[in-house]
Amino acid sequence: MEGRELVMGIVIAVLVATVVLSPVACTAHRHKVIAELIEGGTSPLEAKCAIEGDSLGTNTCAALAATRMKE
């Protein structure tokens, strides 16, 4: 039984690590992409809106798009 318990413990540890690290990796990647866009000359607000959209519901990205359409 000890071998089976060890395997189950390892499986549970891997699952917990996956659940914890997946959002962290996704967030880190998103920040890296935004930083690359900013380095390429895109404004920080435009870069955030392009990658994340208006995640806070403040309509900031919609206002930015409206001003860009007027240009």
PDB file of N, CA and C in Angstrom:
ATOM      1  N   MET A   1       0.813  -1.204   0.000  1.00  0.00           N
ATOM      2  CA  MET A   1       0.000   0.000   0.000  1.00  0.00           C
ATOM      3  C   MET A   1       0.853   1.262   0.000  1.00  0.00           C
ATOM      4  N   GLU A   2       2.044   1.209   0.552  1.00  0.00           N
ATOM      5  CA  GLU A   2       2.875   2.404   0.629  1.00  0.00           C
ATOM      6  C   GLU A   2       3.257   2.915  -0.757  1.00  0.00           C
ATOM      7  N   GLY A   3       3.518   2.023  -1.702  1.00  0.00           N
ATOM      8  CA  GLY A   3       3.861   2.424  -3.059  1.00  0.00           C
ATOM      9  C   GLY A   3       2.708   3.144  -3.732  1.00  0.00           C
ATOM     10  N   ARG A   4       1.502   2.641  -3.517  1.00  0.00           N
ATOM     11  CA  ARG A   4       0.316   3.259  -4.112  1.00  0.00           C
ATOM     12  C   ARG A   4       0.079   4.646  -3.505  1.00  0.00           C
ATOM     13  N   GLU A   5       0.265   4.762  -2.206  1.00  0.00           N
ATOM     14  CA  GLU A   5       0.093   6.060  -1.548  1.00  0.00           C
ATOM     15  C   GLU A   5       1.136   7.066  -2.043  1.00  0.00           C
ATOM     16  N   LEU A   6       2.353   6.605  -2.281  1.00  0.00           N
ATOM     17  CA  LEU A   6       3.397   7.481  -2.801  1.00  0.00           C
ATOM     18  C   LEU A   6       3.041   7.979  -4.198  1.00  0.00           C
ATOM     19  N   VAL A   7       2.568   7.091  -5.040  1.00  0.00           N
ATOM     20  CA  VAL A   7       2.171   7.477  -6.396  1.00  0.00           C
ATOM     21  C   VAL A   7       1.014   8.470  -6.349  1.00  0.00           C
ATOM     22  N   MET A   8       0.036   8.221  -5.511  1.00  0.00           N
ATOM     23  CA  MET A   8      -1.098   9.147  -5.388  1.00  0.00           C
ATOM     24  C   MET A   8      -0.636  10.505  -4.867  1.00  0.00           C
ATOM     25  N   GLY A   9       0.301  10.504  -3.942  1.00  0.00           N
ATOM     26  CA  GLY A   9       0.836  11.763  -3.424  1.00  0.00           C
ATOM     27  C   GLY A   9       1.542  12.544  -4.511  1.00  0.00           C
ATOM     28  N   ILE A  10       2.310  11.861  -5.338  1.00  0.00           N
ATOM     29  CA  ILE A  10       3.009  12.518  -6.438  1.00  0.00           C
ATOM     30  C   ILE A  10       2.013  13.073  -7.450  1.00  0.00           C
ATOM     31  N   VAL A  11       0.998  12.292  -7.786  1.00  0.00           N
ATOM     32  CA  VAL A  11      -0.024  12.736  -8.736  1.00  0.00           C
ATOM     33  C   VAL A  11      -0.750  13.973  -8.199  1.00  0.00           C
ATOM     34  N   ILE A  12      -1.103  13.950  -6.938  1.00  0.00           N
ATOM     35  CA  ILE A  12      -1.794  15.097  -6.338  1.00  0.00           C
ATOM     36  C   ILE A  12      -0.881  16.319  -6.328  1.00  0.00           C
ATOM     37  N   ALA A  13       0.389  16.131  -6.005  1.00  0.00           N
ATOM     38  CA  ALA A  13       1.336  17.250  -5.991  1.00  0.00           C
ATOM     39  C   ALA A  13       1.489  17.859  -7.382  1.00  0.00           C
ATOM     40  N   VAL A  14       1.553  17.028  -8.406  1.00  0.00           N
ATOM     41  CA  VAL A  14       1.667  17.526  -9.777  1.00  0.00           C
ATOM     42  C   VAL A  14       0.405  18.293 -10.175  1.00  0.00           C
ATOM     43  N   LEU A  15      -0.747  17.784  -9.819  1.00  0.00           N
ATOM     44  CA  LEU A  15      -1.998  18.474 -10.137  1.00  0.00           C
ATOM     45  C   LEU A  15      -2.094  19.822  -9.427  1.00  0.00           C
ATOM     46  N   VAL A  16      -1.716  19.864  -8.169  1.00  0.00           N
ATOM     47  CA  VAL A  16      -1.752  21.123  -7.422  1.00  0.00           C
ATOM     48  C   VAL A  16      -0.778  22.126  -8.033  1.00  0.00           C
ATOM     49  N   ALA A  17       0.417  21.664  -8.373  1.00  0.00           N
ATOM     50  CA  ALA A  17       1.399  22.553  -8.988  1.00  0.00           C
ATOM     51  C   ALA A  17       0.887  23.096 -10.322  1.00  0.00           C
ATOM     52  N   THR A  18       0.232  22.260 -11.096  1.00  0.00           N
ATOM     53  CA  THR A  18      -0.319  22.686 -12.382  1.00  0.00           C
ATOM     54  C   THR A  18      -1.391  23.746 -12.185  1.00  0.00           C
ATOM     55  N   VAL A  19      -2.272  23.528 -11.237  1.00  0.00           N
ATOM     56  CA  VAL A  19      -3.354  24.479 -10.982  1.00  0.00           C
ATOM     57  C   VAL A  19      -2.797  25.809 -10.482  1.00  0.00           C
ATOM     58  N   VAL A  20      -1.758  25.764  -9.670  1.00  0.00           N
ATOM     59  CA  VAL A  20      -1.191  26.991  -9.115  1.00  0.00           C
ATOM     60  C   VAL A  20      -0.336  27.725 -10.150  1.00  0.00           C
ATOM     61  N   LEU A  21       0.453  27.010 -10.920  1.00  0.00           N
ATOM     62  CA  LEU A  21       1.412  27.656 -11.814  1.00  0.00           C
ATOM     63  C   LEU A  21       0.837  28.082 -13.158  1.00  0.00           C
ATOM     64  N   SER A  22      -0.252  27.500 -13.601  1.00  0.00           N
ATOM     65  CA  SER A  22      -0.821  27.872 -14.894  1.00  0.00           C
ATOM     66  C   SER A  22      -1.224  29.340 -14.969  1.00  0.00           C
ATOM     67  N   PRO A  23      -1.970  29.863 -14.012  1.00  0.00           N
ATOM     68  CA  PRO A  23      -2.314  31.290 -14.082  1.00  0.00           C
ATOM     69  C   PRO A  23      -1.089  32.191 -13.972  1.00  0.00           C
ATOM     70  N   VAL A  24      -0.105  31.783 -13.194  1.00  0.00           N
ATOM     71  CA  VAL A  24       1.107  32.576 -13.051  1.00  0.00           C
ATOM     72  C   VAL A  24       1.847  32.650 -14.381  1.00  0.00           C
ATOM     73  N   ALA A  25       1.960  31.525 -15.056  1.00  0.00           N
ATOM     74  CA  ALA A  25       2.649  31.496 -16.349  1.00  0.00           C
ATOM     75  C   ALA A  25       1.892  32.319 -17.390  1.00  0.00           C
ATOM     76  N   CYS A  26       0.593  32.247 -17.381  1.00  0.00           N
ATOM     77  CA  CYS A  26      -0.220  33.007 -18.327  1.00  0.00           C
ATOM     78  C   CYS A  26      -0.053  34.502 -18.098  1.00  0.00           C
ATOM     79  N   THR A  27      -0.087  34.929 -16.851  1.00  0.00           N
ATOM     80  CA  THR A  27       0.082  36.340 -16.526  1.00  0.00           C
ATOM     81  C   THR A  27       1.474  36.826 -16.913  1.00  0.00           C
ATOM     82  N   ALA A  28       2.494  36.028 -16.620  1.00  0.00           N
ATOM     83  CA  ALA A  28       3.866  36.413 -16.973  1.00  0.00           C
ATOM     84  C   ALA A  28       4.015  36.561 -18.485  1.00  0.00           C
ATOM     85  N   HIS A  29       3.413  35.656 -19.232  1.00  0.00           N
ATOM     86  CA  HIS A  29       3.499  35.734 -20.693  1.00  0.00           C
ATOM     87  C   HIS A  29       2.793  36.983 -21.213  1.00  0.00           C
ATOM     88  N   ARG A  30       1.626  37.274 -20.659  1.00  0.00           N
ATOM     89  CA  ARG A  30       0.872  38.452 -21.084  1.00  0.00           C
ATOM     90  C   ARG A  30       1.668  39.725 -20.818  1.00  0.00           C
ATOM     91  N   HIS A  31       2.307  39.828 -19.659  1.00  0.00           N
ATOM     92  CA  HIS A  31       3.121  40.998 -19.336  1.00  0.00           C
ATOM     93  C   HIS A  31       4.335  41.101 -20.261  1.00  0.00           C
ATOM     94  N   LYS A  32       4.901  39.961 -20.630  1.00  0.00           N
ATOM     95  CA  LYS A  32       6.052  39.958 -21.537  1.00  0.00           C
ATOM     96  C   LYS A  32       5.638  40.477 -22.910  1.00  0.00           C
ATOM     97  N   VAL A  33       4.490  40.043 -23.394  1.00  0.00           N
ATOM     98  CA  VAL A  33       4.005  40.492 -24.708  1.00  0.00           C
ATOM     99  C   VAL A  33       3.715  41.988 -24.678  1.00  0.00           C
ATOM    100  N   ILE A  34       3.102  42.475 -23.616  1.00  0.00           N
ATOM    101  CA  ILE A  34       2.816  43.904 -23.504  1.00  0.00           C
ATOM    102  C   ILE A  34       4.117  44.696 -23.477  1.00  0.00           C
ATOM    103  N   ALA A  35       5.115  44.218 -22.727  1.00  0.00           N
ATOM    104  CA  ALA A  35       6.412  44.904 -22.669  1.00  0.00           C
ATOM    105  C   ALA A  35       7.078  44.948 -24.039  1.00  0.00           C
ATOM    106  N   GLU A  36       6.971  43.868 -24.800  1.00  0.00           N
ATOM    107  CA  GLU A  36       7.551  43.846 -26.149  1.00  0.00           C
ATOM    108  C   GLU A  36       6.853  44.845 -27.067  1.00  0.00           C
ATOM    109  N   LEU A  37       5.544  44.970 -26.943  1.00  0.00           N
ATOM    110  CA  LEU A  37       4.809  45.947 -27.746  1.00  0.00           C
ATOM    111  C   LEU A  37       5.228  47.368 -27.399  1.00  0.00           C
ATOM    112  N   ILE A  38       5.401  47.625 -26.108  1.00  0.00           N
ATOM    113  CA  ILE A  38       5.812  48.960 -25.673  1.00  0.00           C
ATOM    114  C   ILE A  38       7.214  49.266 -26.177  1.00  0.00           C
ATOM    115  N   GLU A  39       8.110  48.292 -26.109  1.00  0.00           N
ATOM    116  CA  GLU A  39       9.464  48.485 -26.627  1.00  0.00           C
ATOM    117  C   GLU A  39       9.449  48.756 -28.127  1.00  0.00           C
ATOM    118  N   GLY A  40       8.460  48.207 -28.819  1.00  0.00           N
ATOM    119  CA  GLY A  40       8.344  48.405 -30.256  1.00  0.00           C
ATOM    120  C   GLY A  40       7.730  49.738 -30.643  1.00  0.00           C
ATOM    121  N   GLY A  41       7.322  50.546 -29.660  1.00  0.00           N
ATOM    122  CA  GLY A  41       6.810  51.865 -29.955  1.00  0.00           C
ATOM    123  C   GLY A  41       5.316  52.051 -29.722  1.00  0.00           C
ATOM    124  N   THR A  42       4.628  51.022 -29.314  1.00  0.00           N
ATOM    125  CA  THR A  42       3.201  51.143 -29.030  1.00  0.00           C
ATOM    126  C   THR A  42       3.022  51.814 -27.676  1.00  0.00           C
ATOM    127  N   SER A  43       2.003  52.648 -27.549  1.00  0.00           N
ATOM    128  CA  SER A  43       1.761  53.286 -26.253  1.00  0.00           C
ATOM    129  C   SER A  43       1.326  52.220 -25.250  1.00  0.00           C
ATOM    130  N   PRO A  44       1.632  52.428 -23.975  1.00  0.00           N
ATOM    131  CA  PRO A  44       1.266  51.432 -22.965  1.00  0.00           C
ATOM    132  C   PRO A  44      -0.227  51.130 -22.930  1.00  0.00           C
ATOM    133  N   LEU A  45      -1.060  52.153 -23.076  1.00  0.00           N
ATOM    134  CA  LEU A  45      -2.506  51.939 -23.042  1.00  0.00           C
ATOM    135  C   LEU A  45      -2.971  51.125 -24.248  1.00  0.00           C
ATOM    136  N   GLU A  46      -2.449  51.446 -25.420  1.00  0.00           N
ATOM    137  CA  GLU A  46      -2.816  50.689 -26.618  1.00  0.00           C
ATOM    138  C   GLU A  46      -2.354  49.235 -26.500  1.00  0.00           C
ATOM    139  N   ALA A  47      -1.169  49.019 -25.955  1.00  0.00           N
ATOM    140  CA  ALA A  47      -0.659  47.655 -25.792  1.00  0.00           C
ATOM    141  C   ALA A  47      -1.536  46.858 -24.837  1.00  0.00           C
ATOM    142  N   LYS A  48      -1.925  47.472 -23.719  1.00  0.00           N
ATOM    143  CA  LYS A  48      -2.780  46.789 -22.755  1.00  0.00           C
ATOM    144  C   LYS A  48      -4.133  46.464 -23.374  1.00  0.00           C
ATOM    145  N   CYS A  49      -4.701  47.416 -24.082  1.00  0.00           N
ATOM    146  CA  CYS A  49      -6.008  47.186 -24.696  1.00  0.00           C
ATOM    147  C   CYS A  49      -5.930  46.107 -25.771  1.00  0.00           C
ATOM    148  N   ALA A  50      -4.828  46.067 -26.515  1.00  0.00           N
ATOM    149  CA  ALA A  50      -4.686  45.075 -27.572  1.00  0.00           C
ATOM    150  C   ALA A  50      -4.590  43.664 -27.004  1.00  0.00           C
ATOM    151  N   ILE A  51      -3.937  43.501 -25.881  1.00  0.00           N
ATOM    152  CA  ILE A  51      -3.734  42.171 -25.319  1.00  0.00           C
ATOM    153  C   ILE A  51      -4.842  41.775 -24.358  1.00  0.00           C
ATOM    154  N   GLU A  52      -5.198  42.659 -23.445  1.00  0.00           N
ATOM    155  CA  GLU A  52      -6.143  42.309 -22.386  1.00  0.00           C
ATOM    156  C   GLU A  52      -7.563  42.785 -22.626  1.00  0.00           C
ATOM    157  N   GLY A  53      -7.728  43.792 -23.459  1.00  0.00           N
ATOM    158  CA  GLY A  53      -9.050  44.378 -23.617  1.00  0.00           C
ATOM    159  C   GLY A  53      -9.390  45.226 -22.408  1.00  0.00           C
ATOM    160  N   ASP A  54     -10.624  45.552 -22.243  1.00  0.00           N
ATOM    161  CA  ASP A  54     -11.055  46.379 -21.119  1.00  0.00           C
ATOM    162  C   ASP A  54     -11.472  45.468 -19.977  1.00  0.00           C
ATOM    163  N   SER A  55     -10.501  44.868 -19.328  1.00  0.00           N
ATOM    164  CA  SER A  55     -10.766  43.857 -18.317  1.00  0.00           C
ATOM    165  C   SER A  55     -11.405  44.417 -17.056  1.00  0.00           C
ATOM    166  N   LEU A  56     -11.262  45.714 -16.794  1.00  0.00           N
ATOM    167  CA  LEU A  56     -11.830  46.295 -15.583  1.00  0.00           C
ATOM    168  C   LEU A  56     -13.211  46.896 -15.807  1.00  0.00           C
ATOM    169  N   GLY A  57     -13.681  46.915 -17.045  1.00  0.00           N
ATOM    170  CA  GLY A  57     -15.001  47.451 -17.329  1.00  0.00           C
ATOM    171  C   GLY A  57     -15.075  48.961 -17.235  1.00  0.00           C
ATOM    172  N   THR A  58     -13.964  49.641 -17.474  1.00  0.00           N
ATOM    173  CA  THR A  58     -13.942  51.097 -17.350  1.00  0.00           C
ATOM    174  C   THR A  58     -14.196  51.808 -18.669  1.00  0.00           C
ATOM    175  N   ASN A  59     -14.345  51.062 -19.748  1.00  0.00           N
ATOM    176  CA  ASN A  59     -14.556  51.600 -21.094  1.00  0.00           C
ATOM    177  C   ASN A  59     -13.375  52.427 -21.588  1.00  0.00           C
ATOM    178  N   THR A  60     -12.222  52.260 -20.973  1.00  0.00           N
ATOM    179  CA  THR A  60     -11.023  52.982 -21.393  1.00  0.00           C
ATOM    180  C   THR A  60     -10.627  52.589 -22.810  1.00  0.00           C
ATOM    181  N   CYS A  61     -10.674  51.304 -23.097  1.00  0.00           N
ATOM    182  CA  CYS A  61     -10.278  50.829 -24.422  1.00  0.00           C
ATOM    183  C   CYS A  61     -11.272  51.285 -25.486  1.00  0.00           C
ATOM    184  N   ALA A  62     -12.548  51.340 -25.125  1.00  0.00           N
ATOM    185  CA  ALA A  62     -13.553  51.820 -26.075  1.00  0.00           C
ATOM    186  C   ALA A  62     -13.330  53.295 -26.371  1.00  0.00           C
ATOM    187  N   ALA A  63     -12.988  54.063 -25.349  1.00  0.00           N
ATOM    188  CA  ALA A  63     -12.708  55.488 -25.556  1.00  0.00           C
ATOM    189  C   ALA A  63     -11.454  55.663 -26.400  1.00  0.00           C
ATOM    190  N   LEU A  64     -10.456  54.843 -26.163  1.00  0.00           N
ATOM    191  CA  LEU A  64      -9.232  54.907 -26.959  1.00  0.00           C
ATOM    192  C   LEU A  64      -9.526  54.575 -28.414  1.00  0.00           C
ATOM    193  N   ALA A  65     -10.327  53.553 -28.635  1.00  0.00           N
ATOM    194  CA  ALA A  65     -10.685  53.175 -30.006  1.00  0.00           C
ATOM    195  C   ALA A  65     -11.467  54.285 -30.702  1.00  0.00           C
ATOM    196  N   ALA A  66     -12.346  54.936 -29.964  1.00  0.00           N
ATOM    197  CA  ALA A  66     -13.131  56.021 -30.551  1.00  0.00           C
ATOM    198  C   ALA A  66     -12.247  57.193 -30.959  1.00  0.00           C
ATOM    199  N   THR A  67     -11.259  57.522 -30.132  1.00  0.00           N
ATOM    200  CA  THR A  67     -10.371  58.622 -30.487  1.00  0.00           C
ATOM    201  C   THR A  67      -9.457  58.230 -31.652  1.00  0.00           C
ATOM    202  N   ARG A  68      -9.081  56.962 -31.744  1.00  0.00           N
ATOM    203  CA  ARG A  68      -8.242  56.501 -32.850  1.00  0.00           C
ATOM    204  C   ARG A  68      -9.011  56.522 -34.164  1.00  0.00           C
ATOM    205  N   MET A  69     -10.321  56.278 -34.092  1.00  0.00           N
ATOM    206  CA  MET A  69     -11.140  56.280 -35.307  1.00  0.00           C
ATOM    207  C   MET A  69     -11.310  57.693 -35.850  1.00  0.00           C
ATOM    208  N   LYS A  70     -11.272  58.694 -34.983  1.00  0.00           N
ATOM    209  CA  LYS A  70     -11.433  60.077 -35.407  1.00  0.00           C
ATOM    210  C   LYS A  70     -10.193  60.581 -36.151  1.00  0.00           C
ATOM    211  N   GLU A  71      -9.047  59.964 -35.870  1.00  0.00           N
ATOM    212  CA  GLU A  71      -7.794  60.428 -36.491  1.00  0.00           C
ATOM    213  C   GLU A  71      -7.707  60.068 -37.926  1.00  0.00           C
TER     214      GLU A  71
END
